[in-house]
Amino acid sequence: MTTWGNDVRQVSADSDAPVVVVGGGPVGMGLAIGLGLRGIKTIVIERHEQPQPIPKGQNLTQRTMEHFHFWGAESALREARTIPPDYGIGGMTSYGTLLSGYNYNWLQRELVRPFYFTDNERLPQYATEAVLRQRAAQLSSIDLRYGWTCRDVRPDADGVSLDIEHRDGTKQSLRADYVVGCDGSRSIVRERAGITQTRSDHDRLMVLLVFRSVELHRLLAAFPGKSFYSVLHPELEGYWKFFGRVDLGSTWFFHAPVPADTTADNFDFRRLLHDAAGAEFDVEFEHIGFWDLRFTLADSYRADRVFIAGDAAHSHPPYGGYGINTGFEDAVNLAWKLAAKRQGWAPASLLDSYDAERRPVFASTARDFIETPIFRDRDFLRRYDPARDRSDFEAAWHERHSGARAEVNAFEPNYEGSSIVFGPAGAICSAIGSHAYPARAGHHLTPQPLSSGKNVFEELGSGFTLIDLADGAAATAFEQSAGRLHIPLKVIKDTASGGREQYAARQILVRPDQFVAYAGDGNGTDASYILQRAVGGA
């Protein structure tokens, strides 16, 4: 079992645990694992005794798979896949219908593969949850309480009290130093903490269909290696009809806008599927559900000792597979900061950086990568019509092919504007960036091989890591400063060659979440200041 640290103080005198996580879905469980691996006792409250069999949150990015690597769950997750590993996880966008003949590849995340340590993965969220539950159960510092629902949260100056109720009617009260609400878009934690939301409502009712069809798999055999398919149709004004594979051969999910008064009984969903595909095929429904298309963003991710993450903090339409991946990044960002505060090597001010870094990144994700494309598609559909001017439409459609590549490269969440990194003056935290090899403060570290033959990601520590590619003098200064400040620091010494010269820096301070806090060529005289700022103390 891998342990990343020990909480020497553990539980306050009147607390059941330093941290209680309300909601044991993917985000809550990932947060608990990140804390548990660092020795922080964590209680997880989850109302469902088993993962719910709804195939959402399927596309896991290379970055998300790095989290599973560090959580010790990557192999188990890949073994749980429902689509063969050699099958692509990219998608396709079509005009009018799936089989119209107008299509292009979309969301080709394999294009940025060199900038991450791990490959993408694709599997239903319930399978991901099962793997996370299994991993969490292996950590003695995590207390998993399934079948319990949080009924009330009462924060005060010294901690947080919670009332929970088991499905059998048993009631219990808990006390924690910190509570994190990972309990979804209707979060009771957010509500009780008094955290307000800003809502952008697109006023669309969406249907979610889960169905079986072997014939649809055959119809799409002409487009191998695709796991999801979106359809743009003029009548939808930029919103999608969307097919996704649950497995390879028979099970699918589909979502699309439907009239506001639609119910499971008053609508022809089989015809909706056939119209979207442009052909008839066998359909056996397994689930019919509905959700409202809207964007919501909490006005803060923190209220003193209460934090929120994942859908409790933000929600958006499931376009582009950003949701679950964004939630995992919330969990990873918050886990190391809560652990640092609990273990005494960071001041309370470090916890403020969670909101300062993560909230603007989500706002940018929603605005720049989900909402703006909806409007862009709407404008395209209004302007171009193959029935009106085929050559004009085909020329414009062809131009969209390259745009799909640009979107993948531009989605590079970063914390350049964070107060705890040494980013450029005037920078902001944003989802818009670029993938590059140089080490840049506020950006994800690009993996490179070491002289030992290992990848640098195999050697990163659970605390901070200094990559020293110079003569070692700076490394000594950092080690001595870290010792005085009680900041966990691992030093990797190597040469600026073999690919590492692409970092364009001789000293790189990497945070516990694999983002760069500092990159430069100094001699270590400012090591103490750099470290203190990186933990929110300067």
Protein backbone atom coordinates (compact mmCIF):
# COMPACT_ATOMS: atom_id res chain seq x y z
CA MET A 1 0.00 0.00 0.00
CA THR A 2 1.32 3.41 -0.94
CA THR A 3 1.15 6.12 1.72
CA TRP A 4 2.10 9.69 0.96
CA GLY A 5 2.38 11.05 4.46
CA ASN A 6 1.13 11.02 8.01
CA ASP A 7 -1.22 13.46 9.65
CA VAL A 8 0.65 13.77 12.92
CA ARG A 9 -2.23 15.61 14.62
CA GLN A 10 -5.00 13.51 13.09
CA VAL A 11 -8.39 14.29 14.62
CA SER A 12 -9.26 17.36 16.67
CA ALA A 13 -10.51 16.58 20.16
CA ASP A 14 -14.17 16.96 19.26
CA SER A 15 -14.01 15.65 15.67
CA ASP A 16 -14.78 12.26 14.17
CA ALA A 17 -12.42 12.99 11.27
CA PRO A 18 -10.38 15.87 9.88
CA VAL A 19 -12.39 15.70 6.65
CA VAL A 20 -15.87 14.44 5.82
CA VAL A 21 -16.70 14.11 2.14
CA VAL A 22 -20.41 14.19 1.35
CA GLY A 23 -21.00 12.31 -1.91
CA GLY A 24 -19.05 9.24 -2.93
CA GLY A 25 -19.32 9.56 -6.69
CA PRO A 26 -16.16 9.83 -8.80
CA VAL A 27 -15.15 13.27 -7.52
CA GLY A 28 -15.80 12.56 -3.86
CA MET A 29 -14.08 9.21 -4.01
CA GLY A 30 -11.09 10.66 -5.86
CA LEU A 31 -10.78 13.36 -3.21
CA ALA A 32 -10.97 10.78 -0.42
CA ILE A 33 -8.26 8.67 -2.06
CA GLY A 34 -6.03 11.73 -2.47
CA LEU A 35 -6.45 12.49 1.24
CA GLY A 36 -6.26 8.87 2.35
CA LEU A 37 -2.98 8.26 0.56
CA ARG A 38 -1.58 11.19 2.52
CA GLY A 39 -2.68 9.67 5.80
CA ILE A 40 -5.60 12.05 6.41
CA LYS A 41 -8.51 10.25 8.07
CA THR A 42 -11.55 10.85 5.86
CA ILE A 43 -15.18 9.79 6.18
CA VAL A 44 -17.19 9.42 2.97
CA ILE A 45 -20.99 9.71 3.13
CA GLU A 46 -22.70 8.15 0.08
CA ARG A 47 -26.42 7.42 -0.19
CA HIS A 48 -26.15 4.78 -2.93
CA GLU A 49 -24.88 1.40 -1.81
CA GLN A 50 -23.95 0.54 -5.42
CA PRO A 51 -22.94 2.77 -8.37
CA GLN A 52 -25.95 3.82 -10.42
CA PRO A 53 -26.03 2.11 -13.87
CA ILE A 54 -26.37 5.27 -15.99
CA PRO A 55 -23.61 5.52 -18.66
CA LYS A 56 -22.47 9.11 -18.30
CA GLY A 57 -19.04 10.69 -17.80
CA GLN A 58 -17.37 8.24 -20.14
CA ASN A 59 -14.46 10.12 -21.70
CA LEU A 60 -11.46 10.22 -19.39
CA THR A 61 -8.64 12.43 -20.64
CA GLN A 62 -4.91 11.75 -20.52
CA ARG A 63 -4.70 14.16 -17.59
CA THR A 64 -7.42 12.32 -15.67
CA MET A 65 -5.62 9.03 -16.22
CA GLU A 66 -2.54 10.59 -14.61
CA HIS A 67 -4.66 10.95 -11.46
CA PHE A 68 -5.51 7.25 -11.57
CA HIS A 69 -1.81 6.50 -11.95
CA PHE A 70 -0.95 8.42 -8.79
CA TRP A 71 -3.97 6.98 -6.96
CA GLY A 72 -2.68 3.47 -7.69
CA ALA A 73 -5.77 2.59 -9.71
CA GLU A 74 -4.76 2.98 -13.35
CA SER A 75 -4.40 -0.72 -14.14
CA ALA A 76 -7.70 -1.59 -12.48
CA LEU A 77 -9.49 1.12 -14.41
CA ARG A 78 -8.13 -0.03 -17.75
CA GLU A 79 -9.14 -3.60 -16.97
CA ALA A 80 -12.71 -2.36 -16.35
CA ARG A 81 -13.09 -0.84 -19.82
CA THR A 82 -16.13 -1.89 -21.84
CA ILE A 83 -14.59 -1.10 -25.23
CA PRO A 84 -11.43 -2.91 -26.46
CA PRO A 85 -8.21 -0.98 -25.77
CA ASP A 86 -7.24 -0.87 -29.44
CA TYR A 87 -10.51 0.85 -30.36
CA GLY A 88 -10.44 4.62 -30.69
CA ILE A 89 -12.09 6.95 -28.23
CA GLY A 90 -12.45 9.88 -30.60
CA GLY A 91 -15.64 11.14 -32.15
CA MET A 92 -17.31 12.32 -35.31
CA THR A 93 -19.58 15.26 -36.11
CA SER A 94 -22.15 14.92 -38.90
CA TYR A 95 -24.53 17.32 -40.59
CA GLY A 96 -28.23 16.53 -40.68
CA THR A 97 -27.96 12.82 -39.85
CA LEU A 98 -25.20 10.42 -38.91
CA LEU A 99 -25.24 8.92 -42.39
CA SER A 100 -25.62 12.12 -44.43
CA GLY A 101 -22.11 11.88 -45.88
CA TYR A 102 -21.02 15.17 -44.31
CA ASN A 103 -18.79 14.43 -41.32
CA TYR A 104 -15.42 15.15 -39.77
CA ASN A 105 -13.40 13.82 -36.84
CA TRP A 106 -13.98 15.69 -33.63
CA LEU A 107 -12.25 15.99 -30.25
CA GLN A 108 -9.08 14.22 -31.30
CA ARG A 109 -7.43 14.22 -27.90
CA GLU A 110 -4.76 11.84 -29.13
CA LEU A 111 -3.19 14.90 -30.78
CA VAL A 112 -1.92 16.14 -27.39
CA ARG A 113 -0.82 12.72 -26.12
CA PRO A 114 2.93 13.64 -26.02
CA PHE A 115 2.24 16.20 -23.30
CA TYR A 116 0.84 13.71 -20.78
CA PHE A 117 2.17 10.62 -19.06
CA THR A 118 -0.82 8.36 -19.69
CA ASP A 119 -3.27 7.45 -22.45
CA ASN A 120 -6.97 8.33 -22.55
CA GLU A 121 -9.58 5.86 -21.43
CA ARG A 122 -13.28 5.42 -22.02
CA LEU A 123 -15.77 3.54 -19.86
CA PRO A 124 -19.14 4.21 -18.20
CA GLN A 125 -19.08 6.26 -15.03
CA TYR A 126 -20.50 3.40 -12.97
CA ALA A 127 -17.48 1.29 -13.93
CA THR A 128 -15.15 4.13 -12.96
CA GLU A 129 -16.96 4.47 -9.64
CA ALA A 130 -16.58 0.75 -8.93
CA VAL A 131 -12.81 0.98 -9.41
CA LEU A 132 -12.57 4.01 -7.14
CA ARG A 133 -14.66 2.33 -4.46
CA GLN A 134 -12.39 -0.69 -4.56
CA ARG A 135 -9.26 1.47 -4.26
CA ALA A 136 -10.70 3.55 -1.41
CA ALA A 137 -11.57 0.37 0.49
CA GLN A 138 -7.88 -0.58 0.48
CA LEU A 139 -6.91 2.53 2.47
CA SER A 140 -7.35 2.25 6.23
CA SER A 141 -7.54 6.03 6.58
CA ILE A 142 -10.84 6.14 4.63
CA ASP A 143 -14.11 5.30 6.38
CA LEU A 144 -16.71 4.48 3.70
CA ARG A 145 -20.33 4.81 4.77
CA TYR A 146 -22.67 3.64 2.03
CA GLY A 147 -26.43 3.93 2.36
CA TRP A 148 -26.18 7.15 4.37
CA THR A 149 -27.67 10.51 3.33
CA CYS A 150 -26.55 13.87 4.66
CA ARG A 151 -29.55 15.72 6.10
CA ASP A 152 -27.91 18.82 7.54
CA VAL A 153 -24.59 20.65 7.68
CA ARG A 154 -23.87 23.23 10.37
CA PRO A 155 -20.51 25.02 10.14
CA ASP A 156 -19.15 27.07 13.00
CA ALA A 157 -15.86 28.72 13.93
CA ASP A 158 -14.23 25.50 15.15
CA GLY A 159 -15.50 22.90 12.70
CA VAL A 160 -18.58 21.47 11.03
CA SER A 161 -21.39 19.31 12.40
CA LEU A 162 -23.36 16.97 10.15
CA ASP A 163 -26.56 15.01 10.59
CA ILE A 164 -26.71 11.82 8.54
CA GLU A 165 -29.38 9.18 8.14
CA HIS A 166 -29.11 5.58 6.98
CA ARG A 167 -31.65 4.11 4.62
CA ASP A 168 -32.88 1.91 7.49
CA GLY A 169 -33.82 5.02 9.47
CA THR A 170 -30.77 5.11 11.77
CA LYS A 171 -29.63 8.66 12.49
CA GLN A 172 -26.20 9.89 13.54
CA SER A 173 -24.29 13.13 14.03
CA LEU A 174 -20.70 13.68 12.96
CA ARG A 175 -18.14 16.34 13.65
CA ALA A 176 -15.36 17.32 11.20
CA ASP A 177 -12.70 19.95 10.86
CA TYR A 178 -13.59 20.36 7.17
CA VAL A 179 -16.48 19.20 5.00
CA VAL A 180 -16.38 18.90 1.22
CA GLY A 181 -19.63 18.70 -0.70
CA CYS A 182 -19.28 16.42 -3.71
CA ASP A 183 -23.01 15.77 -3.64
CA GLY A 184 -24.07 16.92 -7.09
CA SER A 185 -25.91 19.84 -8.60
CA ARG A 186 -28.57 19.85 -5.86
CA SER A 187 -25.91 19.89 -3.15
CA ILE A 188 -27.22 20.15 0.41
CA VAL A 189 -23.69 21.05 1.51
CA ARG A 190 -23.61 24.06 -0.80
CA GLU A 191 -27.08 25.12 0.30
CA ARG A 192 -26.40 24.82 4.04
CA ALA A 193 -23.10 26.67 3.70
CA GLY A 194 -24.94 29.58 2.09
CA ILE A 195 -22.96 29.41 -1.15
CA THR A 196 -24.94 31.01 -3.98
CA GLN A 197 -24.85 30.16 -7.67
CA THR A 198 -24.91 32.06 -10.93
CA ARG A 199 -27.06 30.28 -13.47
CA SER A 200 -27.07 30.60 -17.24
CA ASP A 201 -30.19 28.72 -18.32
CA HIS A 202 -30.47 27.73 -21.97
CA ASP A 203 -34.09 26.69 -21.41
CA ARG A 204 -33.77 23.27 -23.02
CA LEU A 205 -35.18 19.96 -21.84
CA MET A 206 -32.88 17.10 -22.79
CA VAL A 207 -33.67 13.41 -22.99
CA LEU A 208 -31.19 10.70 -22.06
CA LEU A 209 -31.84 7.34 -23.70
CA VAL A 210 -29.93 4.15 -23.00
CA PHE A 211 -30.70 1.44 -25.53
CA ARG A 212 -29.43 -1.71 -27.19
CA SER A 213 -28.98 -2.00 -30.95
CA VAL A 214 -26.77 -4.35 -32.91
CA GLU A 215 -27.89 -2.89 -36.24
CA LEU A 216 -26.68 0.60 -35.32
CA HIS A 217 -23.23 -0.82 -34.73
CA ARG A 218 -23.36 -2.34 -38.23
CA LEU A 219 -24.59 0.90 -39.77
CA LEU A 220 -21.62 2.75 -38.30
CA ALA A 221 -19.03 0.16 -39.31
CA ALA A 222 -17.98 2.56 -42.06
CA PHE A 223 -16.58 4.86 -39.35
CA PRO A 224 -14.24 2.61 -37.33
CA GLY A 225 -12.51 3.78 -34.19
CA LYS A 226 -15.26 6.19 -33.15
CA SER A 227 -16.87 6.07 -29.74
CA PHE A 228 -19.26 9.00 -29.99
CA TYR A 229 -21.15 10.76 -32.75
CA SER A 230 -22.75 14.20 -32.70
CA VAL A 231 -25.31 15.43 -35.22
CA LEU A 232 -25.81 19.08 -36.14
CA HIS A 233 -29.26 19.86 -37.50
CA PRO A 234 -30.57 23.34 -38.45
CA GLU A 235 -33.71 22.98 -36.34
CA LEU A 236 -31.67 22.56 -33.16
CA GLU A 237 -29.80 25.89 -33.54
CA GLY A 238 -26.42 24.62 -32.39
CA TYR A 239 -27.50 22.01 -29.85
CA TRP A 240 -26.60 18.42 -30.55
CA LYS A 241 -28.11 15.05 -31.06
CA PHE A 242 -25.48 12.81 -29.55
CA PHE A 243 -24.82 9.06 -29.74
CA GLY A 244 -22.23 7.37 -27.53
CA ARG A 245 -21.04 3.79 -27.21
CA VAL A 246 -21.34 2.03 -23.87
CA ASP A 247 -19.71 -1.09 -25.25
CA LEU A 248 -18.55 -2.21 -28.67
CA GLY A 249 -21.44 -3.86 -30.43
CA SER A 250 -24.80 -3.36 -28.79
CA THR A 251 -25.31 -0.78 -26.01
CA TRP A 252 -25.62 2.97 -26.62
CA PHE A 253 -26.67 6.18 -24.96
CA PHE A 254 -28.22 9.17 -26.71
CA HIS A 255 -29.19 12.68 -25.66
CA ALA A 256 -30.87 15.49 -27.55
CA PRO A 257 -33.21 18.44 -26.99
CA VAL A 258 -36.91 17.57 -26.85
CA PRO A 259 -40.10 19.67 -26.40
CA ALA A 260 -40.57 21.02 -22.88
CA ASP A 261 -43.68 18.91 -22.22
CA THR A 262 -42.04 15.60 -23.21
CA THR A 263 -42.52 12.61 -20.92
CA ALA A 264 -41.44 8.98 -21.16
CA ASP A 265 -44.92 8.10 -22.43
CA ASN A 266 -45.94 10.85 -24.86
CA PHE A 267 -43.03 10.91 -27.32
CA ASP A 268 -41.77 8.63 -30.11
CA PHE A 269 -38.16 8.16 -29.05
CA ARG A 270 -37.59 5.40 -31.57
CA ARG A 271 -38.40 7.85 -34.38
CA LEU A 272 -36.10 10.44 -32.75
CA LEU A 273 -33.22 7.96 -32.93
CA HIS A 274 -33.99 6.94 -36.51
CA ASP A 275 -34.22 10.55 -37.67
CA ALA A 276 -30.91 11.38 -36.02
CA ALA A 277 -29.17 8.42 -37.65
CA GLY A 278 -30.81 8.77 -41.05
CA ALA A 279 -31.81 5.10 -41.08
CA GLU A 280 -34.00 2.66 -39.20
CA PHE A 281 -32.51 0.08 -36.87
CA ASP A 282 -33.51 -2.17 -33.99
CA VAL A 283 -34.00 -0.43 -30.62
CA GLU A 284 -34.47 -1.95 -27.17
CA PHE A 285 -34.73 0.77 -24.52
CA GLU A 286 -33.10 0.27 -21.14
CA HIS A 287 -33.55 3.77 -19.68
CA ILE A 288 -35.46 6.97 -20.51
CA GLY A 289 -34.62 10.02 -18.42
CA PHE A 290 -34.52 13.80 -18.66
CA TRP A 291 -32.33 16.67 -17.56
CA ASP A 292 -32.27 20.45 -18.00
CA LEU A 293 -29.58 21.99 -20.16
CA ARG A 294 -28.05 24.81 -18.18
CA PHE A 295 -24.77 26.19 -16.91
CA THR A 296 -24.33 26.86 -13.19
CA LEU A 297 -21.30 28.15 -11.32
CA ALA A 298 -21.04 28.60 -7.58
CA ASP A 299 -20.10 32.14 -6.60
CA SER A 300 -17.45 30.64 -4.34
CA TYR A 301 -16.02 27.16 -3.89
CA ARG A 302 -15.45 27.76 -0.20
CA ALA A 303 -17.30 29.06 2.85
CA ASP A 304 -14.78 28.95 5.71
CA ARG A 305 -14.51 25.24 6.65
CA VAL A 306 -16.88 24.04 3.92
CA PHE A 307 -15.77 23.36 0.35
CA ILE A 308 -17.60 22.14 -2.73
CA ALA A 309 -16.29 20.28 -5.77
CA GLY A 310 -17.54 18.68 -8.97
CA ASP A 311 -21.18 19.18 -9.88
CA ALA A 312 -21.85 20.77 -6.50
CA ALA A 313 -19.59 23.62 -7.61
CA HIS A 314 -20.37 23.73 -11.33
CA SER A 315 -22.49 22.02 -13.93
CA HIS A 316 -22.89 22.22 -17.69
CA PRO A 317 -24.23 20.22 -20.62
CA PRO A 318 -22.29 16.97 -21.24
CA TYR A 319 -20.67 18.31 -24.41
CA GLY A 320 -17.05 17.40 -24.99
CA GLY A 321 -16.51 15.20 -21.94
CA TYR A 322 -15.37 18.11 -19.77
CA GLY A 323 -17.56 17.46 -16.72
CA ILE A 324 -16.10 14.44 -14.97
CA ASN A 325 -12.55 15.43 -15.88
CA THR A 326 -13.05 18.92 -14.46
CA GLY A 327 -14.42 17.40 -11.26
CA PHE A 328 -11.42 15.12 -10.87
CA GLU A 329 -9.13 18.12 -11.22
CA ASP A 330 -11.07 19.87 -8.43
CA ALA A 331 -10.47 16.85 -6.22
CA VAL A 332 -6.74 16.67 -6.93
CA ASN A 333 -6.26 20.41 -6.41
CA LEU A 334 -8.09 20.41 -3.08
CA ALA A 335 -6.68 17.15 -1.70
CA TRP A 336 -3.06 18.24 -1.47
CA LYS A 337 -3.99 21.62 -0.04
CA LEU A 338 -6.21 20.20 2.70
CA ALA A 339 -3.47 17.69 3.52
CA ALA A 340 -0.82 20.43 3.62
CA LYS A 341 -2.90 22.46 6.07
CA ARG A 342 -3.72 19.43 8.23
CA GLN A 343 -0.10 18.25 8.34
CA GLY A 344 1.12 21.70 9.34
CA TRP A 345 3.39 22.61 6.44
CA ALA A 346 1.11 25.23 4.86
CA PRO A 347 -0.87 28.14 6.28
CA ALA A 348 -4.65 28.40 6.12
CA SER A 349 -4.28 30.91 3.27
CA LEU A 350 -3.28 28.05 0.95
CA LEU A 351 -6.89 26.86 1.03
CA ASP A 352 -8.02 30.14 -0.56
CA SER A 353 -6.10 29.19 -3.71
CA TYR A 354 -8.52 26.32 -4.39
CA ASP A 355 -11.31 28.72 -5.35
CA ALA A 356 -8.88 31.17 -6.96
CA GLU A 357 -7.50 28.49 -9.27
CA ARG A 358 -10.40 26.17 -9.99
CA ARG A 359 -13.38 28.51 -10.34
CA PRO A 360 -12.01 30.66 -13.19
CA VAL A 361 -10.85 27.52 -15.01
CA PHE A 362 -14.37 26.14 -14.99
CA ALA A 363 -15.85 29.49 -16.03
CA SER A 364 -13.49 29.46 -19.01
CA THR A 365 -14.29 25.82 -19.82
CA ALA A 366 -18.02 26.50 -19.86
CA ARG A 367 -17.74 29.74 -21.79
CA ASP A 368 -14.94 29.01 -24.24
CA PHE A 369 -15.29 25.27 -24.91
CA ILE A 370 -19.00 24.53 -24.44
CA GLU A 371 -21.20 27.61 -24.72
CA THR A 372 -19.24 29.44 -27.43
CA PRO A 373 -19.20 26.34 -29.71
CA ILE A 374 -22.99 26.06 -29.34
CA PHE A 375 -23.34 29.63 -30.60
CA ARG A 376 -20.73 29.01 -33.31
CA ASP A 377 -22.64 25.95 -34.54
CA ARG A 378 -25.90 27.91 -34.47
CA ASP A 379 -24.41 30.68 -36.62
CA PHE A 380 -22.95 28.15 -39.05
CA LEU A 381 -26.28 26.38 -39.47
CA ARG A 382 -28.07 29.67 -40.09
CA ARG A 383 -25.58 30.80 -42.69
CA TYR A 384 -24.85 27.62 -44.63
CA ASP A 385 -27.38 25.22 -46.15
CA PRO A 386 -26.52 22.53 -48.73
CA ALA A 387 -30.04 22.76 -50.13
CA ARG A 388 -29.57 26.47 -50.79
CA ASP A 389 -25.91 26.55 -51.96
CA ARG A 390 -24.14 23.21 -51.86
CA SER A 391 -20.68 24.40 -52.93
CA ASP A 392 -20.71 27.21 -50.38
CA PHE A 393 -21.80 24.80 -47.64
CA GLU A 394 -19.19 22.18 -48.56
CA ALA A 395 -16.37 24.73 -48.53
CA ALA A 396 -17.42 25.98 -45.10
CA TRP A 397 -17.90 22.43 -43.79
CA HIS A 398 -14.40 21.50 -44.93
CA GLU A 399 -12.94 24.45 -43.00
CA ARG A 400 -14.44 23.09 -39.78
CA HIS A 401 -12.21 20.01 -39.95
CA SER A 402 -9.12 21.92 -38.79
CA GLY A 403 -11.08 23.66 -36.03
CA ALA A 404 -11.57 20.37 -34.24
CA ARG A 405 -7.80 20.01 -33.97
CA ALA A 406 -7.33 23.56 -32.71
CA GLU A 407 -9.89 23.07 -29.93
CA VAL A 408 -8.04 20.08 -28.49
CA ASN A 409 -4.72 21.93 -28.42
CA ALA A 410 -6.27 25.06 -26.92
CA PHE A 411 -7.91 23.22 -24.01
CA GLU A 412 -5.04 23.41 -21.56
CA PRO A 413 -6.30 24.44 -18.10
CA ASN A 414 -3.66 26.44 -16.29
CA TYR A 415 -3.09 28.54 -13.18
CA GLU A 416 -0.82 31.24 -14.60
CA GLY A 417 -2.70 33.89 -12.63
CA SER A 418 -2.53 32.09 -9.29
CA SER A 419 -0.85 33.83 -6.38
CA ILE A 420 1.01 30.63 -5.43
CA VAL A 421 2.84 30.21 -8.76
CA PHE A 422 5.42 32.40 -10.45
CA GLY A 423 3.42 33.12 -13.59
CA PRO A 424 3.75 36.13 -15.89
CA ALA A 425 2.47 39.49 -14.73
CA GLY A 426 -1.17 40.13 -15.55
CA ALA A 427 -1.93 36.47 -16.27
CA ILE A 428 -5.21 34.82 -15.33
CA CYS A 429 -6.25 31.27 -14.52
CA SER A 430 -8.02 29.87 -17.55
CA ALA A 431 -8.90 26.75 -19.52
CA ILE A 432 -7.42 28.36 -22.62
CA GLY A 433 -3.75 27.72 -23.16
CA SER A 434 -1.43 25.77 -25.40
CA HIS A 435 0.42 22.51 -25.07
CA ALA A 436 4.17 23.03 -25.03
CA TYR A 437 7.34 21.31 -23.83
CA PRO A 438 8.92 24.16 -21.83
CA ALA A 439 8.20 24.14 -18.10
CA ARG A 440 5.91 27.11 -17.46
CA ALA A 441 4.75 28.28 -14.05
CA GLY A 442 1.07 27.50 -13.59
CA HIS A 443 1.01 24.84 -16.31
CA HIS A 444 0.99 21.06 -16.22
CA LEU A 445 4.47 19.54 -16.37
CA THR A 446 5.18 17.77 -19.65
CA PRO A 447 6.72 14.33 -19.03
CA GLN A 448 10.27 13.67 -20.21
CA PRO A 449 12.62 10.69 -19.86
CA LEU A 450 15.34 10.75 -17.22
CA SER A 451 18.89 9.47 -17.62
CA SER A 452 17.89 6.47 -15.52
CA GLY A 453 15.49 5.36 -18.23
CA LYS A 454 12.44 6.18 -16.14
CA ASN A 455 9.99 8.93 -16.95
CA VAL A 456 10.05 11.94 -14.66
CA PHE A 457 6.42 11.17 -13.73
CA GLU A 458 7.58 7.88 -12.24
CA GLU A 459 9.87 9.79 -9.88
CA LEU A 460 7.70 12.75 -8.81
CA GLY A 461 7.11 12.90 -5.06
CA SER A 462 3.82 13.15 -3.23
CA GLY A 463 4.80 16.58 -1.94
CA PHE A 464 6.78 19.11 -3.94
CA THR A 465 9.46 17.96 -6.36
CA LEU A 466 12.47 19.97 -7.52
CA ILE A 467 13.87 18.93 -10.90
CA ASP A 468 17.43 20.23 -10.92
CA LEU A 469 19.19 20.14 -14.29
CA ALA A 470 22.22 22.21 -13.23
CA ASP A 471 25.21 21.63 -10.92
CA GLY A 472 23.24 20.88 -7.78
CA ALA A 473 23.93 24.10 -5.84
CA ALA A 474 20.34 25.27 -6.18
CA ALA A 475 19.08 21.84 -5.17
CA THR A 476 21.02 22.04 -1.92
CA ALA A 477 19.52 25.44 -1.14
CA PHE A 478 16.01 24.16 -1.82
CA GLU A 479 16.56 21.07 0.34
CA GLN A 480 17.83 23.14 3.25
CA SER A 481 14.97 25.65 2.96
CA ALA A 482 12.37 22.90 2.70
CA GLY A 483 13.79 21.30 5.83
CA ARG A 484 13.51 24.53 7.80
CA LEU A 485 9.96 25.11 6.54
CA HIS A 486 8.92 21.45 7.02
CA ILE A 487 7.73 21.32 3.41
CA PRO A 488 7.99 17.82 1.88
CA LEU A 489 10.40 18.06 -1.04
CA LYS A 490 11.93 15.44 -3.28
CA VAL A 491 14.86 16.39 -5.52
CA ILE A 492 15.50 14.86 -8.94
CA LYS A 493 18.98 15.65 -10.24
CA ASP A 494 19.77 15.14 -13.90
CA THR A 495 21.26 16.83 -16.96
CA ALA A 496 19.70 19.25 -19.40
CA SER A 497 19.84 16.77 -22.29
CA GLY A 498 18.02 13.70 -23.56
CA GLY A 499 14.83 15.67 -24.06
CA ARG A 500 15.04 17.53 -20.75
CA GLU A 501 16.56 20.53 -22.48
CA GLN A 502 13.08 21.15 -23.83
CA TYR A 503 12.05 22.27 -20.35
CA ALA A 504 14.05 25.46 -21.07
CA ALA A 505 14.80 25.83 -17.35
CA ARG A 506 17.45 24.44 -14.98
CA GLN A 507 15.28 24.38 -11.85
CA ILE A 508 11.62 23.34 -11.95
CA LEU A 509 9.54 23.22 -8.78
CA VAL A 510 6.59 20.88 -9.32
CA ARG A 511 3.54 20.92 -7.06
CA PRO A 512 1.89 17.78 -5.65
CA ASP A 513 -0.70 18.03 -8.47
CA GLN A 514 2.00 17.98 -11.19
CA PHE A 515 1.61 21.67 -12.03
CA VAL A 516 4.73 23.83 -12.18
CA ALA A 517 5.04 26.36 -9.37
CA TYR A 518 8.36 27.83 -10.52
CA ALA A 519 10.72 27.44 -13.48
CA GLY A 520 14.00 29.31 -13.77
CA ASP A 521 17.79 29.27 -13.80
CA GLY A 522 18.62 30.71 -10.39
CA ASN A 523 21.31 29.65 -7.93
CA GLY A 524 18.93 28.89 -5.09
CA THR A 525 19.37 32.14 -3.13
CA ASP A 526 15.62 32.71 -3.28
CA ALA A 527 14.67 29.09 -2.56
CA SER A 528 13.01 29.91 0.76
CA TYR A 529 10.81 32.61 -0.77
CA ILE A 530 9.85 30.37 -3.72
CA LEU A 531 8.80 27.55 -1.41
CA GLN A 532 6.89 29.80 0.96
CA ARG A 533 4.97 31.40 -1.87
CA ALA A 534 4.19 28.00 -3.38
CA VAL A 535 2.34 27.02 -0.17
CA GLY A 536 0.57 30.35 0.25
CA GLY A 537 2.85 31.78 2.90
CA ALA A 538 4.52 34.67 1.09
